[in-house]
Amino acid sequence: MTIARSSAAAWGLSVMAAGVLLVGCSGSVNVEKSEPKLSADKLATAVSEKLAATTGQPKPHITCPKDLVGKVGTTTRCTLTADDGSTLGVSVMVSSVDGDQINFDIKADAKASPAAN
């Protein structure tokens, strides 16, 4: 039974990764500071919402380690964590900035990492 659950979770991550890679994601968020910057928490929420909308899956649990500075080409790595503890890396790159709006592209890694034992 445990194997089936792990396989289902891995399959879910694979489906999500495939959907993200095939469709490609981008998003934008308005920020309220003179220096455009998106907090790590708000970035995680935006990435989660965009992935869910793109893949048709429930919003995944996303964590981002740092704020995203609104400068074209700036990148950060976030992590998608599945219910079974397996993880999938997600790259976020600023594609454009228009005033206080930061536009970014999202790309999930092709392969998930298994849960730590």
N, C-alpha and C. Protein backbone atom coordinates (compact mmCIF):
# COMPACT_ATOMS: atom_id res chain seq x y z
N MET A 1 0.81 -1.20 0.00
CA MET A 1 0.00 0.00 0.00
C MET A 1 0.85 1.26 0.00
N THR A 2 1.91 1.27 0.80
CA THR A 2 2.77 2.45 0.86
C THR A 2 3.38 2.73 -0.51
N ILE A 3 3.75 1.70 -1.22
CA ILE A 3 4.35 1.88 -2.54
C ILE A 3 3.35 2.54 -3.48
N ALA A 4 2.11 2.12 -3.44
CA ALA A 4 1.09 2.71 -4.30
C ALA A 4 0.89 4.18 -3.98
N ARG A 5 0.88 4.52 -2.69
CA ARG A 5 0.70 5.91 -2.29
C ARG A 5 1.88 6.75 -2.76
N SER A 6 3.09 6.26 -2.58
CA SER A 6 4.28 6.99 -3.03
C SER A 6 4.27 7.14 -4.53
N SER A 7 3.87 6.08 -5.23
CA SER A 7 3.80 6.15 -6.69
C SER A 7 2.77 7.16 -7.13
N ALA A 8 1.63 7.20 -6.44
CA ALA A 8 0.58 8.16 -6.78
C ALA A 8 1.07 9.58 -6.55
N ALA A 9 1.76 9.79 -5.44
CA ALA A 9 2.28 11.14 -5.16
C ALA A 9 3.33 11.52 -6.18
N ALA A 10 4.23 10.59 -6.50
CA ALA A 10 5.26 10.87 -7.50
C ALA A 10 4.61 11.14 -8.84
N TRP A 11 3.56 10.36 -9.17
CA TRP A 11 2.86 10.57 -10.42
C TRP A 11 2.23 11.96 -10.44
N GLY A 12 1.64 12.36 -9.30
CA GLY A 12 1.04 13.69 -9.22
C GLY A 12 2.06 14.78 -9.45
N LEU A 13 3.25 14.63 -8.85
CA LEU A 13 4.31 15.60 -9.08
C LEU A 13 4.76 15.58 -10.53
N SER A 14 4.85 14.39 -11.12
CA SER A 14 5.26 14.29 -12.52
C SER A 14 4.25 14.95 -13.43
N VAL A 15 2.96 14.74 -13.15
CA VAL A 15 1.92 15.36 -13.95
C VAL A 15 2.01 16.88 -13.83
N MET A 16 2.21 17.35 -12.60
CA MET A 16 2.32 18.78 -12.41
C MET A 16 3.54 19.33 -13.14
N ALA A 17 4.68 18.66 -13.01
CA ALA A 17 5.90 19.11 -13.68
C ALA A 17 5.71 19.10 -15.19
N ALA A 18 5.12 18.05 -15.71
CA ALA A 18 4.89 17.96 -17.15
C ALA A 18 3.98 19.09 -17.60
N GLY A 19 2.93 19.35 -16.84
CA GLY A 19 2.03 20.43 -17.20
C GLY A 19 2.72 21.77 -17.20
N VAL A 20 3.55 22.00 -16.22
CA VAL A 20 4.28 23.26 -16.13
C VAL A 20 5.27 23.38 -17.29
N LEU A 21 5.99 22.30 -17.56
CA LEU A 21 6.99 22.34 -18.61
C LEU A 21 6.36 22.48 -19.99
N LEU A 22 5.24 21.78 -20.22
CA LEU A 22 4.61 21.84 -21.52
C LEU A 22 3.89 23.15 -21.76
N VAL A 23 3.19 23.62 -20.76
CA VAL A 23 2.41 24.83 -20.92
C VAL A 23 3.28 26.06 -20.73
N GLY A 24 4.22 25.99 -19.82
CA GLY A 24 5.02 27.16 -19.48
C GLY A 24 4.16 28.08 -18.62
N CYS A 25 4.73 28.64 -17.65
CA CYS A 25 3.97 29.50 -16.75
C CYS A 25 4.60 30.87 -16.70
N SER A 26 3.78 31.80 -16.49
CA SER A 26 4.26 33.13 -16.17
C SER A 26 3.24 33.75 -15.25
N GLY A 27 3.65 34.72 -14.51
CA GLY A 27 2.74 35.38 -13.60
C GLY A 27 3.19 36.80 -13.39
N SER A 28 2.37 37.55 -12.73
CA SER A 28 2.76 38.91 -12.39
C SER A 28 2.09 39.27 -11.07
N VAL A 29 2.75 40.13 -10.34
CA VAL A 29 2.25 40.57 -9.05
C VAL A 29 2.57 42.04 -8.89
N ASN A 30 1.61 42.80 -8.42
CA ASN A 30 1.86 44.20 -8.11
C ASN A 30 2.41 44.30 -6.71
N VAL A 31 3.43 45.12 -6.54
CA VAL A 31 4.00 45.35 -5.22
C VAL A 31 3.84 46.83 -4.90
N GLU A 32 3.93 47.16 -3.61
CA GLU A 32 3.61 48.52 -3.20
C GLU A 32 4.81 49.34 -2.76
N LYS A 33 6.00 48.99 -3.16
CA LYS A 33 7.18 49.73 -2.75
C LYS A 33 7.81 50.40 -3.96
N SER A 34 8.61 51.47 -3.71
CA SER A 34 9.28 52.15 -4.81
C SER A 34 10.32 51.24 -5.45
N GLU A 35 10.95 50.38 -4.66
CA GLU A 35 11.86 49.37 -5.19
C GLU A 35 11.07 48.08 -5.30
N PRO A 36 10.79 47.65 -6.53
CA PRO A 36 9.96 46.45 -6.66
C PRO A 36 10.63 45.24 -6.02
N LYS A 37 9.90 44.62 -5.13
CA LYS A 37 10.37 43.41 -4.45
C LYS A 37 9.13 42.66 -4.00
N LEU A 38 9.15 41.36 -4.18
CA LEU A 38 8.04 40.52 -3.78
C LEU A 38 8.52 39.62 -2.64
N SER A 39 7.82 39.65 -1.52
CA SER A 39 8.24 38.86 -0.37
C SER A 39 8.20 37.37 -0.71
N ALA A 40 9.02 36.60 -0.03
CA ALA A 40 9.09 35.15 -0.26
C ALA A 40 7.72 34.50 -0.06
N ASP A 41 6.97 34.93 0.95
CA ASP A 41 5.64 34.35 1.21
C ASP A 41 4.66 34.66 0.09
N LYS A 42 4.65 35.90 -0.37
CA LYS A 42 3.75 36.28 -1.46
C LYS A 42 4.15 35.60 -2.76
N LEU A 43 5.46 35.44 -2.98
CA LEU A 43 5.94 34.74 -4.16
C LEU A 43 5.47 33.28 -4.13
N ALA A 44 5.60 32.63 -2.98
CA ALA A 44 5.18 31.24 -2.84
C ALA A 44 3.68 31.10 -3.15
N THR A 45 2.88 32.02 -2.65
CA THR A 45 1.44 32.00 -2.91
C THR A 45 1.15 32.19 -4.39
N ALA A 46 1.82 33.15 -5.02
CA ALA A 46 1.61 33.41 -6.44
C ALA A 46 2.02 32.21 -7.30
N VAL A 47 3.14 31.59 -6.98
CA VAL A 47 3.62 30.42 -7.72
C VAL A 47 2.63 29.26 -7.54
N SER A 48 2.16 29.03 -6.32
CA SER A 48 1.21 27.96 -6.04
C SER A 48 -0.08 28.16 -6.83
N GLU A 49 -0.59 29.38 -6.83
CA GLU A 49 -1.83 29.69 -7.55
C GLU A 49 -1.65 29.51 -9.06
N LYS A 50 -0.52 29.94 -9.57
CA LYS A 50 -0.27 29.83 -11.01
C LYS A 50 -0.12 28.37 -11.41
N LEU A 51 0.60 27.58 -10.63
CA LEU A 51 0.76 26.16 -10.94
C LEU A 51 -0.59 25.44 -10.92
N ALA A 52 -1.42 25.75 -9.93
CA ALA A 52 -2.74 25.13 -9.84
C ALA A 52 -3.60 25.50 -11.05
N ALA A 53 -3.57 26.77 -11.43
CA ALA A 53 -4.35 27.21 -12.59
C ALA A 53 -3.87 26.58 -13.89
N THR A 54 -2.57 26.42 -14.02
CA THR A 54 -1.97 25.87 -15.24
C THR A 54 -2.21 24.38 -15.37
N THR A 55 -2.12 23.66 -14.26
CA THR A 55 -2.20 22.19 -14.30
C THR A 55 -3.59 21.64 -14.03
N GLY A 56 -4.48 22.46 -13.48
CA GLY A 56 -5.80 21.97 -13.12
C GLY A 56 -5.78 21.12 -11.86
N GLN A 57 -4.68 21.15 -11.11
CA GLN A 57 -4.52 20.40 -9.87
C GLN A 57 -4.77 21.34 -8.68
N PRO A 58 -4.99 20.78 -7.49
CA PRO A 58 -5.10 21.64 -6.30
C PRO A 58 -3.81 22.44 -6.09
N LYS A 59 -3.92 23.56 -5.37
CA LYS A 59 -2.74 24.37 -5.11
C LYS A 59 -1.71 23.55 -4.33
N PRO A 60 -0.49 23.47 -4.86
CA PRO A 60 0.56 22.73 -4.15
C PRO A 60 1.18 23.58 -3.04
N HIS A 61 1.85 22.89 -2.12
CA HIS A 61 2.57 23.59 -1.05
C HIS A 61 3.92 24.04 -1.61
N ILE A 62 4.12 25.35 -1.67
CA ILE A 62 5.34 25.95 -2.22
C ILE A 62 6.01 26.76 -1.13
N THR A 63 7.33 26.66 -1.05
CA THR A 63 8.11 27.54 -0.18
C THR A 63 9.20 28.18 -1.04
N CYS A 64 9.46 29.45 -0.76
CA CYS A 64 10.52 30.18 -1.45
C CYS A 64 11.45 30.74 -0.37
N PRO A 65 12.76 30.59 -0.55
CA PRO A 65 13.70 30.96 0.51
C PRO A 65 13.97 32.45 0.64
N LYS A 66 13.68 33.21 -0.40
CA LYS A 66 14.02 34.63 -0.32
C LYS A 66 13.06 35.46 -1.16
N ASP A 67 13.07 36.76 -0.91
CA ASP A 67 12.26 37.69 -1.69
C ASP A 67 12.74 37.72 -3.13
N LEU A 68 11.84 38.09 -4.03
CA LEU A 68 12.20 38.23 -5.44
C LEU A 68 12.33 39.71 -5.77
N VAL A 69 13.53 40.12 -6.15
CA VAL A 69 13.80 41.51 -6.51
C VAL A 69 13.34 41.74 -7.94
N GLY A 70 12.64 42.83 -8.17
CA GLY A 70 12.09 43.14 -9.48
C GLY A 70 13.12 43.70 -10.44
N LYS A 71 14.02 42.86 -10.87
CA LYS A 71 15.03 43.22 -11.86
C LYS A 71 15.06 42.10 -12.89
N VAL A 72 14.90 42.45 -14.16
CA VAL A 72 14.84 41.45 -15.23
C VAL A 72 16.05 40.52 -15.15
N GLY A 73 15.77 39.22 -15.22
CA GLY A 73 16.82 38.22 -15.16
C GLY A 73 17.08 37.67 -13.77
N THR A 74 16.55 38.33 -12.73
CA THR A 74 16.73 37.84 -11.36
C THR A 74 16.00 36.50 -11.23
N THR A 75 16.66 35.55 -10.59
CA THR A 75 16.05 34.24 -10.40
C THR A 75 16.08 33.83 -8.94
N THR A 76 15.20 32.92 -8.61
CA THR A 76 15.19 32.29 -7.30
C THR A 76 14.66 30.87 -7.48
N ARG A 77 14.93 30.03 -6.51
CA ARG A 77 14.45 28.65 -6.54
C ARG A 77 13.46 28.46 -5.40
N CYS A 78 12.31 27.93 -5.74
CA CYS A 78 11.31 27.59 -4.75
C CYS A 78 11.18 26.06 -4.73
N THR A 79 10.48 25.55 -3.74
CA THR A 79 10.32 24.11 -3.60
C THR A 79 8.85 23.76 -3.46
N LEU A 80 8.41 22.80 -4.26
CA LEU A 80 7.07 22.23 -4.15
C LEU A 80 7.22 20.96 -3.32
N THR A 81 6.44 20.83 -2.25
CA THR A 81 6.49 19.64 -1.40
C THR A 81 5.15 18.92 -1.48
N ALA A 82 5.21 17.64 -1.87
CA ALA A 82 4.01 16.81 -1.97
C ALA A 82 3.61 16.28 -0.60
N ASP A 83 2.41 15.73 -0.52
CA ASP A 83 1.90 15.19 0.74
C ASP A 83 2.79 14.10 1.31
N ASP A 84 3.47 13.34 0.45
CA ASP A 84 4.33 12.26 0.93
C ASP A 84 5.74 12.74 1.31
N GLY A 85 6.00 14.04 1.19
CA GLY A 85 7.29 14.60 1.55
C GLY A 85 8.27 14.71 0.39
N SER A 86 7.94 14.16 -0.77
CA SER A 86 8.83 14.32 -1.93
C SER A 86 8.78 15.78 -2.38
N THR A 87 9.83 16.22 -3.04
CA THR A 87 9.94 17.62 -3.43
C THR A 87 10.25 17.77 -4.92
N LEU A 88 9.91 18.92 -5.43
CA LEU A 88 10.17 19.27 -6.82
C LEU A 88 10.66 20.71 -6.83
N GLY A 89 11.80 20.96 -7.43
CA GLY A 89 12.33 22.31 -7.53
C GLY A 89 11.57 23.12 -8.57
N VAL A 90 11.40 24.39 -8.29
CA VAL A 90 10.70 25.31 -9.18
C VAL A 90 11.55 26.57 -9.33
N SER A 91 11.94 26.87 -10.57
CA SER A 91 12.72 28.09 -10.83
C SER A 91 11.78 29.23 -11.18
N VAL A 92 12.07 30.39 -10.63
CA VAL A 92 11.28 31.59 -10.91
C VAL A 92 12.25 32.64 -11.44
N MET A 93 11.94 33.23 -12.61
CA MET A 93 12.80 34.24 -13.19
C MET A 93 11.98 35.47 -13.59
N VAL A 94 12.46 36.64 -13.20
CA VAL A 94 11.78 37.88 -13.55
C VAL A 94 11.94 38.11 -15.06
N SER A 95 10.80 38.22 -15.75
CA SER A 95 10.82 38.42 -17.20
C SER A 95 10.69 39.89 -17.58
N SER A 96 9.98 40.65 -16.76
CA SER A 96 9.87 42.09 -17.01
C SER A 96 9.35 42.78 -15.76
N VAL A 97 9.56 44.07 -15.70
CA VAL A 97 9.08 44.89 -14.60
C VAL A 97 8.45 46.12 -15.20
N ASP A 98 7.21 46.42 -14.79
CA ASP A 98 6.50 47.60 -15.28
C ASP A 98 6.04 48.39 -14.07
N GLY A 99 6.83 49.39 -13.69
CA GLY A 99 6.52 50.15 -12.49
C GLY A 99 6.65 49.27 -11.26
N ASP A 100 5.52 49.04 -10.58
CA ASP A 100 5.55 48.19 -9.40
C ASP A 100 5.08 46.76 -9.68
N GLN A 101 4.89 46.43 -10.94
CA GLN A 101 4.46 45.08 -11.32
C GLN A 101 5.65 44.24 -11.77
N ILE A 102 5.84 43.12 -11.09
CA ILE A 102 6.92 42.18 -11.42
C ILE A 102 6.31 41.01 -12.17
N ASN A 103 6.74 40.79 -13.39
CA ASN A 103 6.29 39.67 -14.20
C ASN A 103 7.37 38.60 -14.15
N PHE A 104 6.95 37.34 -13.98
CA PHE A 104 7.94 36.28 -13.86
C PHE A 104 7.48 35.01 -14.56
N ASP A 105 8.47 34.19 -14.93
CA ASP A 105 8.22 32.90 -15.54
C ASP A 105 8.54 31.82 -14.51
N ILE A 106 7.82 30.71 -14.60
CA ILE A 106 7.99 29.60 -13.67
C ILE A 106 8.33 28.35 -14.47
N LYS A 107 9.32 27.60 -14.00
CA LYS A 107 9.68 26.34 -14.64
C LYS A 107 9.99 25.31 -13.56
N ALA A 108 9.25 24.20 -13.60
CA ALA A 108 9.47 23.12 -12.63
C ALA A 108 10.55 22.18 -13.15
N ASP A 109 11.30 21.60 -12.23
CA ASP A 109 12.29 20.59 -12.60
C ASP A 109 11.57 19.39 -13.22
N ALA A 110 12.29 18.65 -14.02
CA ALA A 110 11.71 17.48 -14.69
C ALA A 110 11.55 16.29 -13.76
N LYS A 111 12.31 16.25 -12.67
CA LYS A 111 12.30 15.07 -11.80
C LYS A 111 12.16 15.49 -10.34
N ALA A 112 11.32 14.76 -9.61
CA ALA A 112 11.11 15.03 -8.19
C ALA A 112 12.18 14.30 -7.37
N SER A 113 12.44 14.82 -6.18
CA SER A 113 13.34 14.15 -5.23
C SER A 113 12.48 13.40 -4.23
N PRO A 114 12.86 12.17 -3.90
CA PRO A 114 12.06 11.40 -2.94
C PRO A 114 12.09 12.02 -1.56
N ALA A 115 11.10 11.65 -0.76
CA ALA A 115 11.02 12.14 0.62
C ALA A 115 12.21 11.63 1.42
N ALA A 116 12.68 12.44 2.35
CA ALA A 116 13.77 12.02 3.24
C ALA A 116 13.21 10.98 4.22
N ASN A 117 13.99 9.99 4.50
CA ASN A 117 13.52 8.92 5.42
C ASN A 117 13.76 9.30 6.85
